């Protein structure tokens, strides 16, 4: 059998025929001659909500903690790290410390809601870095991991979104890069 992962799909509604569905993914099969069959689901399975996270592109080092915007979904936890590779638990998890990594899942329940503010004590420890990489973990249940998925896979940690931490204590929405698009939105816009 083969294995497929990293699925992404978007609908191009600018087509004259109505809409064209674009799907990408990484599949590995033991030999040549295999194909992937895509079929329309008659309904979306319970608990399959896709949650996403979006943070500011720039954030002042001396300001209050940054706020992340969460697209609706089930329950979630947020990870933040001063280096992208620290998001890869298998290879770099042993290098994580309270001074370079934060995970809201360390204290359950998982969160819900449309925004997440990094705790002040965590921001105090992490803001000395030049960048703050982040991702969201989704769960179908608040008090335990159920059907977990991450917005950035461990192996893709170097492509994780990040906040550029800048000197100072203020920034305005008029500053370039105030709010960065999510990777999903960037891919969607690039395909149009």
C-alpha atoms as a PDB file:
ATOM      1  CA  UNK A   1       0.000   0.000   0.000  1.00  0.00           C
ATOM      2  CA  UNK A   2       0.994   3.595  -0.479  1.00  0.00           C
ATOM      3  CA  UNK A   3       0.979   6.523   1.872  1.00  0.00           C
ATOM      4  CA  UNK A   4      -0.318  10.041   1.171  1.00  0.00           C
ATOM      5  CA  UNK A   5      -0.055  13.179   3.305  1.00  0.00           C
ATOM      6  CA  UNK A   6       0.205  16.975   3.184  1.00  0.00           C
ATOM      7  CA  UNK A   7      -3.096  17.410   1.367  1.00  0.00           C
ATOM      8  CA  UNK A   8      -4.136  20.887   0.325  1.00  0.00           C
ATOM      9  CA  UNK A   9      -7.196  21.813  -1.731  1.00  0.00           C
ATOM     10  CA  UNK A  10      -8.682  25.062  -2.984  1.00  0.00           C
ATOM     11  CA  UNK A  11     -11.463  26.057  -5.316  1.00  0.00           C
ATOM     12  CA  UNK A  12     -10.759  28.443  -8.172  1.00  0.00           C
ATOM     13  CA  UNK A  13     -14.079  30.228  -8.560  1.00  0.00           C
ATOM     14  CA  UNK A  14     -12.866  32.410 -11.431  1.00  0.00           C
ATOM     15  CA  UNK A  15     -13.309  29.636 -13.962  1.00  0.00           C
ATOM     16  CA  UNK A  16     -16.086  30.065 -16.573  1.00  0.00           C
ATOM     17  CA  UNK A  17     -17.160  26.461 -16.012  1.00  0.00           C
ATOM     18  CA  UNK A  18     -18.076  27.255 -12.418  1.00  0.00           C
ATOM     19  CA  UNK A  19     -15.302  26.175 -10.140  1.00  0.00           C
ATOM     20  CA  UNK A  20     -12.179  24.106 -10.546  1.00  0.00           C
ATOM     21  CA  UNK A  21     -10.917  22.139  -7.570  1.00  0.00           C
ATOM     22  CA  UNK A  22      -7.132  22.069  -7.211  1.00  0.00           C
ATOM     23  CA  UNK A  23      -5.665  19.340  -4.992  1.00  0.00           C
ATOM     24  CA  UNK A  24      -2.051  18.702  -4.062  1.00  0.00           C
ATOM     25  CA  UNK A  25      -0.482  16.079  -1.834  1.00  0.00           C
ATOM     26  CA  UNK A  26       2.596  13.935  -1.346  1.00  0.00           C
ATOM     27  CA  UNK A  27       2.134  10.238  -2.082  1.00  0.00           C
ATOM     28  CA  UNK A  28       4.661   7.405  -1.942  1.00  0.00           C
ATOM     29  CA  UNK A  29       3.974   3.962  -3.401  1.00  0.00           C
ATOM     30  CA  UNK A  30       6.179   0.849  -3.403  1.00  0.00           C
ATOM     31  CA  UNK A  31       6.294   0.670  -7.219  1.00  0.00           C
ATOM     32  CA  UNK A  32       5.054   2.557 -10.260  1.00  0.00           C
ATOM     33  CA  UNK A  33       1.569   2.140 -11.657  1.00  0.00           C
ATOM     34  CA  UNK A  34      -0.459   3.459  -8.713  1.00  0.00           C
ATOM     35  CA  UNK A  35      -3.019   6.251  -8.839  1.00  0.00           C
ATOM     36  CA  UNK A  36      -4.943   8.297  -6.309  1.00  0.00           C
ATOM     37  CA  UNK A  37      -8.725   8.363  -6.651  1.00  0.00           C
ATOM     38  CA  UNK A  38     -10.431  11.519  -5.373  1.00  0.00           C
ATOM     39  CA  UNK A  39     -14.135  11.285  -4.626  1.00  0.00           C
ATOM     40  CA  UNK A  40     -16.642  13.828  -3.341  1.00  0.00           C
ATOM     41  CA  UNK A  41     -17.766  13.216   0.241  1.00  0.00           C
ATOM     42  CA  UNK A  42     -21.505  13.259   0.690  1.00  0.00           C
ATOM     43  CA  UNK A  43     -21.009  14.902   4.085  1.00  0.00           C
ATOM     44  CA  UNK A  44     -18.130  16.109   6.203  1.00  0.00           C
ATOM     45  CA  UNK A  45     -17.344  13.690   9.043  1.00  0.00           C
ATOM     46  CA  UNK A  46     -17.927  14.962  12.578  1.00  0.00           C
ATOM     47  CA  UNK A  47     -14.819  16.457  14.111  1.00  0.00           C
ATOM     48  CA  UNK A  48     -13.119  17.213  10.794  1.00  0.00           C
ATOM     49  CA  UNK A  49     -13.162  21.008  11.154  1.00  0.00           C
ATOM     50  CA  UNK A  50      -9.997  22.654   9.870  1.00  0.00           C
ATOM     51  CA  UNK A  51      -8.691  25.233  12.289  1.00  0.00           C
ATOM     52  CA  UNK A  52      -5.959  27.687  11.327  1.00  0.00           C
ATOM     53  CA  UNK A  53      -3.845  30.298  13.077  1.00  0.00           C
ATOM     54  CA  UNK A  54      -2.629  33.683  11.905  1.00  0.00           C
ATOM     55  CA  UNK A  55      -0.291  35.982  13.781  1.00  0.00           C
ATOM     56  CA  UNK A  56       1.085  39.424  13.088  1.00  0.00           C
ATOM     57  CA  UNK A  57       4.083  39.604  10.763  1.00  0.00           C
ATOM     58  CA  UNK A  58       5.801  42.145  13.038  1.00  0.00           C
ATOM     59  CA  UNK A  59       5.551  42.645  16.776  1.00  0.00           C
ATOM     60  CA  UNK A  60       7.379  45.095  19.054  1.00  0.00           C
ATOM     61  CA  UNK A  61       9.678  43.472  21.578  1.00  0.00           C
ATOM     62  CA  UNK A  62       8.563  45.798  24.394  1.00  0.00           C
ATOM     63  CA  UNK A  63       4.824  45.636  23.657  1.00  0.00           C
ATOM     64  CA  UNK A  64       2.233  43.467  25.351  1.00  0.00           C
ATOM     65  CA  UNK A  65       2.148  39.833  24.123  1.00  0.00           C
ATOM     66  CA  UNK A  66       1.064  39.181  20.539  1.00  0.00           C
ATOM     67  CA  UNK A  67      -2.448  38.053  19.692  1.00  0.00           C
ATOM     68  CA  UNK A  68      -3.120  35.247  17.210  1.00  0.00           C
ATOM     69  CA  UNK A  69      -6.328  34.975  15.194  1.00  0.00           C
ATOM     70  CA  UNK A  70      -7.879  31.515  15.074  1.00  0.00           C
ATOM     71  CA  UNK A  71     -10.219  30.323  12.310  1.00  0.00           C
ATOM     72  CA  UNK A  72     -13.183  28.468  13.791  1.00  0.00           C
ATOM     73  CA  UNK A  73     -12.835  24.787  14.418  1.00  0.00           C
ATOM     74  CA  UNK A  74     -12.799  22.469  17.359  1.00  0.00           C
ATOM     75  CA  UNK A  75     -10.403  22.772  20.272  1.00  0.00           C
ATOM     76  CA  UNK A  76      -6.802  23.859  19.878  1.00  0.00           C
ATOM     77  CA  UNK A  77      -3.448  24.391  21.543  1.00  0.00           C
ATOM     78  CA  UNK A  78      -0.684  26.732  20.384  1.00  0.00           C
ATOM     79  CA  UNK A  79       3.060  26.150  20.208  1.00  0.00           C
ATOM     80  CA  UNK A  80       5.579  28.986  19.909  1.00  0.00           C
ATOM     81  CA  UNK A  81       9.352  28.675  19.531  1.00  0.00           C
ATOM     82  CA  UNK A  82      12.333  30.962  19.068  1.00  0.00           C
ATOM     83  CA  UNK A  83      13.704  28.609  16.369  1.00  0.00           C
ATOM     84  CA  UNK A  84      11.659  26.819  13.706  1.00  0.00           C
ATOM     85  CA  UNK A  85      13.344  23.463  14.259  1.00  0.00           C
ATOM     86  CA  UNK A  86      12.110  23.359  17.860  1.00  0.00           C
ATOM     87  CA  UNK A  87       8.638  22.658  16.446  1.00  0.00           C
ATOM     88  CA  UNK A  88       9.978  19.246  15.332  1.00  0.00           C
ATOM     89  CA  UNK A  89       9.483  17.226  18.490  1.00  0.00           C
ATOM     90  CA  UNK A  90      11.153  14.047  17.237  1.00  0.00           C
ATOM     91  CA  UNK A  91      14.449  15.610  16.166  1.00  0.00           C
ATOM     92  CA  UNK A  92      14.738  18.699  18.368  1.00  0.00           C
ATOM     93  CA  UNK A  93      12.313  18.209  21.247  1.00  0.00           C
ATOM     94  CA  UNK A  94      15.218  17.500  23.590  1.00  0.00           C
ATOM     95  CA  UNK A  95      16.479  21.072  22.985  1.00  0.00           C
ATOM     96  CA  UNK A  96      13.232  22.712  24.107  1.00  0.00           C
ATOM     97  CA  UNK A  97      13.362  24.799  27.279  1.00  0.00           C
ATOM     98  CA  UNK A  98      11.007  27.306  28.875  1.00  0.00           C
ATOM     99  CA  UNK A  99      13.250  30.025  27.433  1.00  0.00           C
ATOM    100  CA  UNK A 100      12.862  28.910  23.788  1.00  0.00           C
ATOM    101  CA  UNK A 101       9.575  26.984  23.544  1.00  0.00           C
ATOM    102  CA  UNK A 102       5.984  27.230  24.736  1.00  0.00           C
ATOM    103  CA  UNK A 103       3.065  24.838  24.371  1.00  0.00           C
ATOM    104  CA  UNK A 104      -0.382  25.699  25.695  1.00  0.00           C
ATOM    105  CA  UNK A 105      -1.210  21.965  25.633  1.00  0.00           C
ATOM    106  CA  UNK A 106       0.965  21.487  28.729  1.00  0.00           C
ATOM    107  CA  UNK A 107      -2.086  22.613  30.693  1.00  0.00           C
ATOM    108  CA  UNK A 108      -5.435  21.210  29.557  1.00  0.00           C
ATOM    109  CA  UNK A 109      -8.122  21.843  28.598  1.00  0.00           C
ATOM    110  CA  UNK A 110      -7.403  22.802  25.018  1.00  0.00           C
ATOM    111  CA  UNK A 111      -8.629  26.246  24.052  1.00  0.00           C
ATOM    112  CA  UNK A 112     -11.548  27.330  21.915  1.00  0.00           C
ATOM    113  CA  UNK A 113     -12.459  30.744  20.562  1.00  0.00           C
ATOM    114  CA  UNK A 114     -11.257  33.043  17.798  1.00  0.00           C
ATOM    115  CA  UNK A 115      -8.148  34.531  19.393  1.00  0.00           C
ATOM    116  CA  UNK A 116      -5.214  33.459  21.500  1.00  0.00           C
ATOM    117  CA  UNK A 117      -2.906  35.794  23.389  1.00  0.00           C
ATOM    118  CA  UNK A 118       0.515  34.505  24.354  1.00  0.00           C
ATOM    119  CA  UNK A 119       0.719  34.540  28.179  1.00  0.00           C
ATOM    120  CA  UNK A 120       2.674  37.536  29.520  1.00  0.00           C
ATOM    121  CA  UNK A 121       5.244  35.408  31.369  1.00  0.00           C
ATOM    122  CA  UNK A 122       5.910  33.392  28.215  1.00  0.00           C
ATOM    123  CA  UNK A 123       6.287  36.559  26.091  1.00  0.00           C
ATOM    124  CA  UNK A 124       8.743  37.904  28.665  1.00  0.00           C
ATOM    125  CA  UNK A 125      10.938  34.809  28.150  1.00  0.00           C
ATOM    126  CA  UNK A 126      10.636  34.499  24.344  1.00  0.00           C
ATOM    127  CA  UNK A 127      10.690  38.113  23.153  1.00  0.00           C
ATOM    128  CA  UNK A 128      14.493  38.342  23.199  1.00  0.00           C
ATOM    129  CA  UNK A 129      14.588  36.313  19.971  1.00  0.00           C
ATOM    130  CA  UNK A 130      14.437  37.923  16.523  1.00  0.00           C
ATOM    131  CA  UNK A 131      11.604  35.649  15.390  1.00  0.00           C
ATOM    132  CA  UNK A 132       8.833  33.649  17.022  1.00  0.00           C
ATOM    133  CA  UNK A 133       7.679  30.607  15.065  1.00  0.00           C
ATOM    134  CA  UNK A 134       4.258  29.190  15.800  1.00  0.00           C
ATOM    135  CA  UNK A 135       1.708  26.554  14.925  1.00  0.00           C
ATOM    136  CA  UNK A 136      -1.653  25.323  16.117  1.00  0.00           C
ATOM    137  CA  UNK A 137      -2.622  21.821  17.161  1.00  0.00           C
ATOM    138  CA  UNK A 138      -6.274  20.870  16.777  1.00  0.00           C
ATOM    139  CA  UNK A 139      -8.179  18.295  18.828  1.00  0.00           C
ATOM    140  CA  UNK A 140     -11.770  17.075  18.670  1.00  0.00           C
ATOM    141  CA  UNK A 141     -12.021  17.115  22.482  1.00  0.00           C
ATOM    142  CA  UNK A 142     -11.114  19.724  25.088  1.00  0.00           C
ATOM    143  CA  UNK A 143      -9.692  17.476  27.798  1.00  0.00           C
ATOM    144  CA  UNK A 144      -7.611  15.023  25.790  1.00  0.00           C
ATOM    145  CA  UNK A 145      -6.005  14.587  22.373  1.00  0.00           C
ATOM    146  CA  UNK A 146      -8.576  13.249  19.939  1.00  0.00           C
ATOM    147  CA  UNK A 147      -7.857  13.163  16.207  1.00  0.00           C
ATOM    148  CA  UNK A 148      -4.973  15.665  16.561  1.00  0.00           C
ATOM    149  CA  UNK A 149      -3.601  17.584  13.596  1.00  0.00           C
ATOM    150  CA  UNK A 150      -1.136  20.456  13.290  1.00  0.00           C
ATOM    151  CA  UNK A 151      -1.170  23.461  10.981  1.00  0.00           C
ATOM    152  CA  UNK A 152       2.523  22.776  10.300  1.00  0.00           C
ATOM    153  CA  UNK A 153       3.820  19.201  10.341  1.00  0.00           C
ATOM    154  CA  UNK A 154       7.049  18.446  12.205  1.00  0.00           C
ATOM    155  CA  UNK A 155       8.923  17.737   8.965  1.00  0.00           C
ATOM    156  CA  UNK A 156       7.766  21.121   7.595  1.00  0.00           C
ATOM    157  CA  UNK A 157       8.826  23.063  10.688  1.00  0.00           C
ATOM    158  CA  UNK A 158      11.172  25.305   8.716  1.00  0.00           C
ATOM    159  CA  UNK A 159       8.151  26.592   6.755  1.00  0.00           C
ATOM    160  CA  UNK A 160       6.226  27.490   9.920  1.00  0.00           C
ATOM    161  CA  UNK A 161       4.788  30.986  10.048  1.00  0.00           C
ATOM    162  CA  UNK A 162       6.634  33.406  12.298  1.00  0.00           C
ATOM    163  CA  UNK A 163       6.452  36.816  13.867  1.00  0.00           C
ATOM    164  CA  UNK A 164       9.402  39.111  13.213  1.00  0.00           C
ATOM    165  CA  UNK A 165      10.175  40.685  16.586  1.00  0.00           C
ATOM    166  CA  UNK A 166      11.259  44.292  16.199  1.00  0.00           C
ATOM    167  CA  UNK A 167      12.754  46.727  18.677  1.00  0.00           C
ATOM    168  CA  UNK A 168      10.434  49.237  20.259  1.00  0.00           C
ATOM    169  CA  UNK A 169       7.119  49.217  22.033  1.00  0.00           C
ATOM    170  CA  UNK A 170       4.548  50.120  19.377  1.00  0.00           C
ATOM    171  CA  UNK A 171       3.514  49.164  15.873  1.00  0.00           C
ATOM    172  CA  UNK A 172       0.500  50.250  13.881  1.00  0.00           C
ATOM    173  CA  UNK A 173      -1.634  48.425  11.311  1.00  0.00           C
ATOM    174  CA  UNK A 174      -0.190  50.811   8.711  1.00  0.00           C
ATOM    175  CA  UNK A 175       3.313  49.347   9.164  1.00  0.00           C
ATOM    176  CA  UNK A 176       4.366  47.004   6.319  1.00  0.00           C
ATOM    177  CA  UNK A 177       3.644  43.378   7.105  1.00  0.00           C
ATOM    178  CA  UNK A 178       1.486  44.107  10.162  1.00  0.00           C
ATOM    179  CA  UNK A 179      -0.657  41.048   9.512  1.00  0.00           C
ATOM    180  CA  UNK A 180       0.811  38.131   7.590  1.00  0.00           C
ATOM    181  CA  UNK A 181      -1.362  35.847   5.494  1.00  0.00           C
ATOM    182  CA  UNK A 182      -1.565  32.223   6.547  1.00  0.00           C
ATOM    183  CA  UNK A 183       0.395  29.757   4.355  1.00  0.00           C
ATOM    184  CA  UNK A 184      -2.933  28.278   3.193  1.00  0.00           C
ATOM    185  CA  UNK A 185      -4.133  31.719   2.026  1.00  0.00           C
ATOM    186  CA  UNK A 186      -0.793  32.407   0.300  1.00  0.00           C
ATOM    187  CA  UNK A 187      -1.040  29.111  -1.621  1.00  0.00           C
ATOM    188  CA  UNK A 188      -4.671  29.792  -2.501  1.00  0.00           C
ATOM    189  CA  UNK A 189      -3.916  33.279  -3.773  1.00  0.00           C
ATOM    190  CA  UNK A 190      -0.888  32.047  -5.747  1.00  0.00           C
ATOM    191  CA  UNK A 191      -3.055  29.477  -7.565  1.00  0.00           C
ATOM    192  CA  UNK A 192      -5.557  32.081  -8.789  1.00  0.00           C
END
